[in-house]
Amino acid sequence: MKRWVRTLLPLLVPTLSAIYGVGEFFQWWDVLSGRHNAKVAYERFASNKNYPTIFIKDDESEFENLYHFINTRTAAEEVKKFHSEKVFPNAIVRIGGTMGHEIEKDLPKLWPSPRFVPETSPIAFIYGKIGRDEKGHVIRVSSLGEIKRWAEESKENERFWVGTVLIGLLSVVVVMLEQSRSRN
């Protein structure tokens, strides 16, 4: 084996580990994978404010990446059909209001608001007119909790493939090459 490969390969493991660690610290991988927009959307949808906070319109910066993040994970067949026909939603919205407001009036004024949004609140795509005679469509694509879970699962999968599989296999290859070199 060439000398430069024997020198480069052992340096590759700590270099990749460092690059991955720095990228994770600065959340580069979250931005590239779409998880960042999913987290921002989760915060907006989980807000105890209502309209316009719970609407993410197609002209907002996080819309497109969030749409692709949800579209690749949703089980809604109608959404996949629209996507294949190049019909895209006009907005992504949380359906439903907050809970806990009924006890807010009984609390002292300085206490924080007890209002919250349940994790089971539906998230929907809103489509404008599809055909000439059709009205718009509202299609449930997930729940609020599913968006959070999908982002966490994506991060766990990434850590497994990069940290365990890639860096682990490279480490084994380096050890095996060193063993074969020491035998020769």
C-alpha atoms as a PDB file:
ATOM      1  CA  MET A   1       0.000   0.000   0.000  1.00  0.00           C
ATOM      2  CA  LYS A   2       1.235   3.463  -0.763  1.00  0.00           C
ATOM      3  CA  ARG A   3       2.892   5.409   2.012  1.00  0.00           C
ATOM      4  CA  TRP A   4       0.575   8.441   1.765  1.00  0.00           C
ATOM      5  CA  VAL A   5      -2.482   6.202   2.283  1.00  0.00           C
ATOM      6  CA  ARG A   6      -0.900   4.692   5.414  1.00  0.00           C
ATOM      7  CA  THR A   7      -0.270   8.195   6.718  1.00  0.00           C
ATOM      8  CA  LEU A   8      -3.602   9.700   5.688  1.00  0.00           C
ATOM      9  CA  LEU A   9      -5.918   6.908   6.855  1.00  0.00           C
ATOM     10  CA  PRO A  10      -5.034   7.079  10.578  1.00  0.00           C
ATOM     11  CA  LEU A  11      -5.512  10.864  10.450  1.00  0.00           C
ATOM     12  CA  LEU A  12      -8.901  10.489   8.801  1.00  0.00           C
ATOM     13  CA  VAL A  13     -10.623   9.031  11.884  1.00  0.00           C
ATOM     14  CA  PRO A  14      -9.869  11.907  14.307  1.00  0.00           C
ATOM     15  CA  THR A  15     -10.343  14.481  11.535  1.00  0.00           C
ATOM     16  CA  LEU A  16     -13.821  13.184  10.653  1.00  0.00           C
ATOM     17  CA  SER A  17     -14.695  12.916  14.347  1.00  0.00           C
ATOM     18  CA  ALA A  18     -13.629  16.510  14.928  1.00  0.00           C
ATOM     19  CA  ILE A  19     -15.456  17.832  11.850  1.00  0.00           C
ATOM     20  CA  TYR A  20     -18.618  15.976  12.807  1.00  0.00           C
ATOM     21  CA  GLY A  21     -18.396  17.175  16.419  1.00  0.00           C
ATOM     22  CA  VAL A  22     -17.824  20.807  15.426  1.00  0.00           C
ATOM     23  CA  GLY A  23     -20.659  20.606  12.892  1.00  0.00           C
ATOM     24  CA  GLU A  24     -22.962  19.190  15.526  1.00  0.00           C
ATOM     25  CA  PHE A  25     -21.983  21.896  18.035  1.00  0.00           C
ATOM     26  CA  PHE A  26     -22.644  24.669  15.522  1.00  0.00           C
ATOM     27  CA  GLN A  27     -25.767  22.832  14.260  1.00  0.00           C
ATOM     28  CA  TRP A  28     -24.538  22.669  10.659  1.00  0.00           C
ATOM     29  CA  TRP A  29     -25.999  19.181  10.236  1.00  0.00           C
ATOM     30  CA  ASP A  30     -29.377  20.357  11.574  1.00  0.00           C
ATOM     31  CA  VAL A  31     -29.481  23.082   8.934  1.00  0.00           C
ATOM     32  CA  LEU A  32     -28.390  20.752   6.117  1.00  0.00           C
ATOM     33  CA  SER A  33     -30.864  18.016   7.073  1.00  0.00           C
ATOM     34  CA  GLY A  34     -33.858  20.322   7.605  1.00  0.00           C
ATOM     35  CA  ARG A  35     -34.056  19.582  11.333  1.00  0.00           C
ATOM     36  CA  HIS A  36     -33.382  23.226  12.161  1.00  0.00           C
ATOM     37  CA  ASN A  37     -36.520  24.340  10.332  1.00  0.00           C
ATOM     38  CA  ALA A  38     -38.469  21.515  11.950  1.00  0.00           C
ATOM     39  CA  LYS A  39     -37.344  22.737  15.392  1.00  0.00           C
ATOM     40  CA  VAL A  40     -38.236  26.352  14.551  1.00  0.00           C
ATOM     41  CA  ALA A  41     -41.629  25.225  13.268  1.00  0.00           C
ATOM     42  CA  TYR A  42     -42.179  23.098  16.361  1.00  0.00           C
ATOM     43  CA  GLU A  43     -41.542  26.144  18.554  1.00  0.00           C
ATOM     44  CA  ARG A  44     -43.982  28.217  16.509  1.00  0.00           C
ATOM     45  CA  PHE A  45     -46.661  25.545  16.478  1.00  0.00           C
ATOM     46  CA  ALA A  46     -46.204  24.827  20.207  1.00  0.00           C
ATOM     47  CA  SER A  47     -46.596  28.515  21.029  1.00  0.00           C
ATOM     48  CA  ASN A  48     -49.667  29.357  23.064  1.00  0.00           C
ATOM     49  CA  LYS A  49     -50.298  32.193  20.615  1.00  0.00           C
ATOM     50  CA  ASN A  50     -52.691  31.601  17.788  1.00  0.00           C
ATOM     51  CA  TYR A  51     -52.979  33.113  14.299  1.00  0.00           C
ATOM     52  CA  PRO A  52     -50.636  34.305  12.692  1.00  0.00           C
ATOM     53  CA  THR A  53     -47.933  32.521  14.717  1.00  0.00           C
ATOM     54  CA  ILE A  54     -49.281  29.046  13.966  1.00  0.00           C
ATOM     55  CA  PHE A  55     -49.314  29.661  10.189  1.00  0.00           C
ATOM     56  CA  ILE A  56     -46.161  29.159   8.152  1.00  0.00           C
ATOM     57  CA  LYS A  57     -46.865  30.518   4.695  1.00  0.00           C
ATOM     58  CA  ASP A  58     -45.113  29.562   1.477  1.00  0.00           C
ATOM     59  CA  ASP A  59     -43.316  32.909   1.285  1.00  0.00           C
ATOM     60  CA  GLU A  60     -41.552  32.446   4.642  1.00  0.00           C
ATOM     61  CA  SER A  61     -37.918  31.319   4.723  1.00  0.00           C
ATOM     62  CA  GLU A  62     -38.457  28.088   6.664  1.00  0.00           C
ATOM     63  CA  PHE A  63     -41.443  26.916   4.609  1.00  0.00           C
ATOM     64  CA  GLU A  64     -39.712  25.003   1.817  1.00  0.00           C
ATOM     65  CA  ASN A  65     -37.315  23.000   3.991  1.00  0.00           C
ATOM     66  CA  LEU A  66     -40.094  22.278   6.492  1.00  0.00           C
ATOM     67  CA  TYR A  67     -42.367  21.142   3.662  1.00  0.00           C
ATOM     68  CA  HIS A  68     -39.717  18.699   2.397  1.00  0.00           C
ATOM     69  CA  PHE A  69     -38.935  17.534   5.958  1.00  0.00           C
ATOM     70  CA  ILE A  70     -42.604  16.693   6.603  1.00  0.00           C
ATOM     71  CA  ASN A  71     -43.325  15.423   3.088  1.00  0.00           C
ATOM     72  CA  THR A  72     -40.584  12.781   3.294  1.00  0.00           C
ATOM     73  CA  ARG A  73     -41.988  11.458   6.579  1.00  0.00           C
ATOM     74  CA  THR A  74     -45.769  11.818   6.447  1.00  0.00           C
ATOM     75  CA  ALA A  75     -48.085   8.903   5.821  1.00  0.00           C
ATOM     76  CA  ALA A  76     -50.669  11.091   4.052  1.00  0.00           C
ATOM     77  CA  GLU A  77     -50.985   9.567   0.579  1.00  0.00           C
ATOM     78  CA  GLU A  78     -52.869  12.559  -0.818  1.00  0.00           C
ATOM     79  CA  VAL A  79     -49.878  14.792  -0.030  1.00  0.00           C
ATOM     80  CA  LYS A  80     -47.553  12.451  -1.903  1.00  0.00           C
ATOM     81  CA  LYS A  81     -49.967  12.428  -4.857  1.00  0.00           C
ATOM     82  CA  PHE A  82     -50.077  16.240  -4.933  1.00  0.00           C
ATOM     83  CA  HIS A  83     -46.285  16.398  -4.662  1.00  0.00           C
ATOM     84  CA  SER A  84     -45.852  14.055  -7.629  1.00  0.00           C
ATOM     85  CA  GLU A  85     -48.224  16.311  -9.605  1.00  0.00           C
ATOM     86  CA  LYS A  86     -46.125  19.324  -8.536  1.00  0.00           C
ATOM     87  CA  VAL A  87     -48.960  20.816  -6.486  1.00  0.00           C
ATOM     88  CA  PHE A  88     -47.588  22.400  -3.335  1.00  0.00           C
ATOM     89  CA  PRO A  89     -49.323  23.748  -0.234  1.00  0.00           C
ATOM     90  CA  ASN A  90     -49.770  27.454   0.420  1.00  0.00           C
ATOM     91  CA  ALA A  91     -49.314  27.122   4.178  1.00  0.00           C
ATOM     92  CA  ILE A  92     -48.499  24.719   6.994  1.00  0.00           C
ATOM     93  CA  VAL A  93     -50.639  25.241  10.064  1.00  0.00           C
ATOM     94  CA  ARG A  94     -51.359  23.871  13.514  1.00  0.00           C
ATOM     95  CA  ILE A  95     -55.038  23.095  13.956  1.00  0.00           C
ATOM     96  CA  GLY A  96     -56.662  23.733  17.309  1.00  0.00           C
ATOM     97  CA  GLY A  97     -56.229  26.073  20.220  1.00  0.00           C
ATOM     98  CA  THR A  98     -54.456  26.049  23.537  1.00  0.00           C
ATOM     99  CA  MET A  99     -55.396  24.325  26.750  1.00  0.00           C
ATOM    100  CA  GLY A 100     -55.103  25.548  30.323  1.00  0.00           C
ATOM    101  CA  HIS A 101     -56.670  28.966  29.771  1.00  0.00           C
ATOM    102  CA  GLU A 102     -59.627  27.982  31.946  1.00  0.00           C
ATOM    103  CA  ILE A 103     -57.461  28.045  35.098  1.00  0.00           C
ATOM    104  CA  GLU A 104     -55.507  31.167  34.136  1.00  0.00           C
ATOM    105  CA  LYS A 105     -58.095  33.493  35.676  1.00  0.00           C
ATOM    106  CA  ASP A 106     -57.742  31.782  39.076  1.00  0.00           C
ATOM    107  CA  LEU A 107     -53.958  32.229  39.322  1.00  0.00           C
ATOM    108  CA  PRO A 108     -52.139  35.216  40.839  1.00  0.00           C
ATOM    109  CA  LYS A 109     -51.247  37.883  38.233  1.00  0.00           C
ATOM    110  CA  LEU A 110     -47.460  37.372  38.517  1.00  0.00           C
ATOM    111  CA  TRP A 111     -47.596  33.651  37.744  1.00  0.00           C
ATOM    112  CA  PRO A 112     -46.678  32.490  34.237  1.00  0.00           C
ATOM    113  CA  SER A 113     -49.436  31.562  31.858  1.00  0.00           C
ATOM    114  CA  PRO A 114     -50.506  27.908  32.272  1.00  0.00           C
ATOM    115  CA  ARG A 115     -51.636  27.701  28.644  1.00  0.00           C
ATOM    116  CA  PHE A 116     -50.083  24.991  26.496  1.00  0.00           C
ATOM    117  CA  VAL A 117     -50.554  23.231  23.183  1.00  0.00           C
ATOM    118  CA  PRO A 118     -51.041  19.457  23.320  1.00  0.00           C
ATOM    119  CA  GLU A 119     -48.528  17.312  21.417  1.00  0.00           C
ATOM    120  CA  THR A 120     -51.487  15.665  19.685  1.00  0.00           C
ATOM    121  CA  SER A 121     -52.505  18.897  17.936  1.00  0.00           C
ATOM    122  CA  PRO A 122     -52.802  18.216  14.195  1.00  0.00           C
ATOM    123  CA  ILE A 123     -50.440  19.827  11.695  1.00  0.00           C
ATOM    124  CA  ALA A 124     -51.921  20.318   8.234  1.00  0.00           C
ATOM    125  CA  PHE A 125     -50.978  21.443   4.761  1.00  0.00           C
ATOM    126  CA  ILE A 126     -53.345  23.998   3.264  1.00  0.00           C
ATOM    127  CA  TYR A 127     -53.702  23.887  -0.507  1.00  0.00           C
ATOM    128  CA  GLY A 128     -55.370  26.648  -2.477  1.00  0.00           C
ATOM    129  CA  LYS A 129     -57.582  25.851  -5.439  1.00  0.00           C
ATOM    130  CA  ILE A 130     -56.351  22.698  -7.127  1.00  0.00           C
ATOM    131  CA  GLY A 131     -58.557  22.532 -10.210  1.00  0.00           C
ATOM    132  CA  ARG A 132     -61.036  24.877 -11.871  1.00  0.00           C
ATOM    133  CA  ASP A 133     -64.047  23.764  -9.864  1.00  0.00           C
ATOM    134  CA  GLU A 134     -62.366  22.558  -6.707  1.00  0.00           C
ATOM    135  CA  LYS A 135     -62.122  24.355  -3.424  1.00  0.00           C
ATOM    136  CA  GLY A 136     -58.940  24.351  -1.402  1.00  0.00           C
ATOM    137  CA  HIS A 137     -57.832  21.342   0.620  1.00  0.00           C
ATOM    138  CA  VAL A 138     -56.678  20.952   4.193  1.00  0.00           C
ATOM    139  CA  ILE A 139     -54.771  17.705   4.704  1.00  0.00           C
ATOM    140  CA  ARG A 140     -53.568  16.466   8.080  1.00  0.00           C
ATOM    141  CA  VAL A 141     -49.904  15.501   7.718  1.00  0.00           C
ATOM    142  CA  SER A 142     -48.777  14.894  11.306  1.00  0.00           C
ATOM    143  CA  SER A 143     -49.205  15.926  14.887  1.00  0.00           C
ATOM    144  CA  LEU A 144     -47.111  18.461  16.755  1.00  0.00           C
ATOM    145  CA  GLY A 145     -45.376  15.669  18.674  1.00  0.00           C
ATOM    146  CA  GLU A 146     -44.525  13.791  15.471  1.00  0.00           C
ATOM    147  CA  ILE A 147     -42.521  16.743  14.130  1.00  0.00           C
ATOM    148  CA  LYS A 148     -40.422  16.745  17.299  1.00  0.00           C
ATOM    149  CA  ARG A 149     -40.049  12.955  17.204  1.00  0.00           C
ATOM    150  CA  TRP A 150     -39.036  12.979  13.525  1.00  0.00           C
ATOM    151  CA  ALA A 151     -36.320  15.564  14.226  1.00  0.00           C
ATOM    152  CA  GLU A 152     -34.989  13.519  17.152  1.00  0.00           C
ATOM    153  CA  GLU A 153     -35.048  10.270  15.147  1.00  0.00           C
ATOM    154  CA  SER A 154     -33.224  11.966  12.279  1.00  0.00           C
ATOM    155  CA  LYS A 155     -30.474  13.111  14.636  1.00  0.00           C
ATOM    156  CA  GLU A 156     -30.192   9.652  16.238  1.00  0.00           C
ATOM    157  CA  ASN A 157     -29.955   7.992  12.802  1.00  0.00           C
ATOM    158  CA  GLU A 158     -27.287  10.449  11.711  1.00  0.00           C
ATOM    159  CA  ARG A 159     -25.252   9.811  14.872  1.00  0.00           C
ATOM    160  CA  PHE A 160     -25.519   6.062  14.345  1.00  0.00           C
ATOM    161  CA  TRP A 161     -24.399   6.143  10.707  1.00  0.00           C
ATOM    162  CA  VAL A 162     -21.628   8.701  11.162  1.00  0.00           C
ATOM    163  CA  GLY A 163     -20.430   7.973  14.700  1.00  0.00           C
ATOM    164  CA  THR A 164     -20.882   4.249  14.908  1.00  0.00           C
ATOM    165  CA  VAL A 165     -20.745   2.901  11.404  1.00  0.00           C
ATOM    166  CA  LEU A 166     -18.465   5.273   9.463  1.00  0.00           C
ATOM    167  CA  ILE A 167     -15.979   6.218  12.163  1.00  0.00           C
ATOM    168  CA  GLY A 168     -16.141   2.749  13.716  1.00  0.00           C
ATOM    169  CA  LEU A 169     -15.406   1.010  10.414  1.00  0.00           C
ATOM    170  CA  LEU A 170     -12.601   3.442   9.618  1.00  0.00           C
ATOM    171  CA  SER A 171     -11.077   2.727  13.020  1.00  0.00           C
ATOM    172  CA  VAL A 172     -11.219  -1.022  12.387  1.00  0.00           C
ATOM    173  CA  VAL A 173      -9.635  -0.564   8.945  1.00  0.00           C
ATOM    174  CA  VAL A 174      -6.819   1.513  10.459  1.00  0.00           C
ATOM    175  CA  VAL A 175      -6.140  -1.121  13.120  1.00  0.00           C
ATOM    176  CA  MET A 176      -6.165  -3.910  10.537  1.00  0.00           C
ATOM    177  CA  LEU A 177      -3.759  -1.992   8.298  1.00  0.00           C
ATOM    178  CA  GLU A 178      -1.413  -1.372  11.216  1.00  0.00           C
ATOM    179  CA  GLN A 179      -1.532  -5.079  12.100  1.00  0.00           C
ATOM    180  CA  SER A 180      -0.713  -6.102   8.546  1.00  0.00           C
ATOM    181  CA  ARG A 181       2.116  -3.583   8.390  1.00  0.00           C
ATOM    182  CA  SER A 182       3.617  -4.787  11.662  1.00  0.00           C
ATOM    183  CA  ARG A 183       3.530  -8.408  10.425  1.00  0.00           C
ATOM    184  CA  ASN A 184       5.391  -7.451   7.271  1.00  0.00           C
END
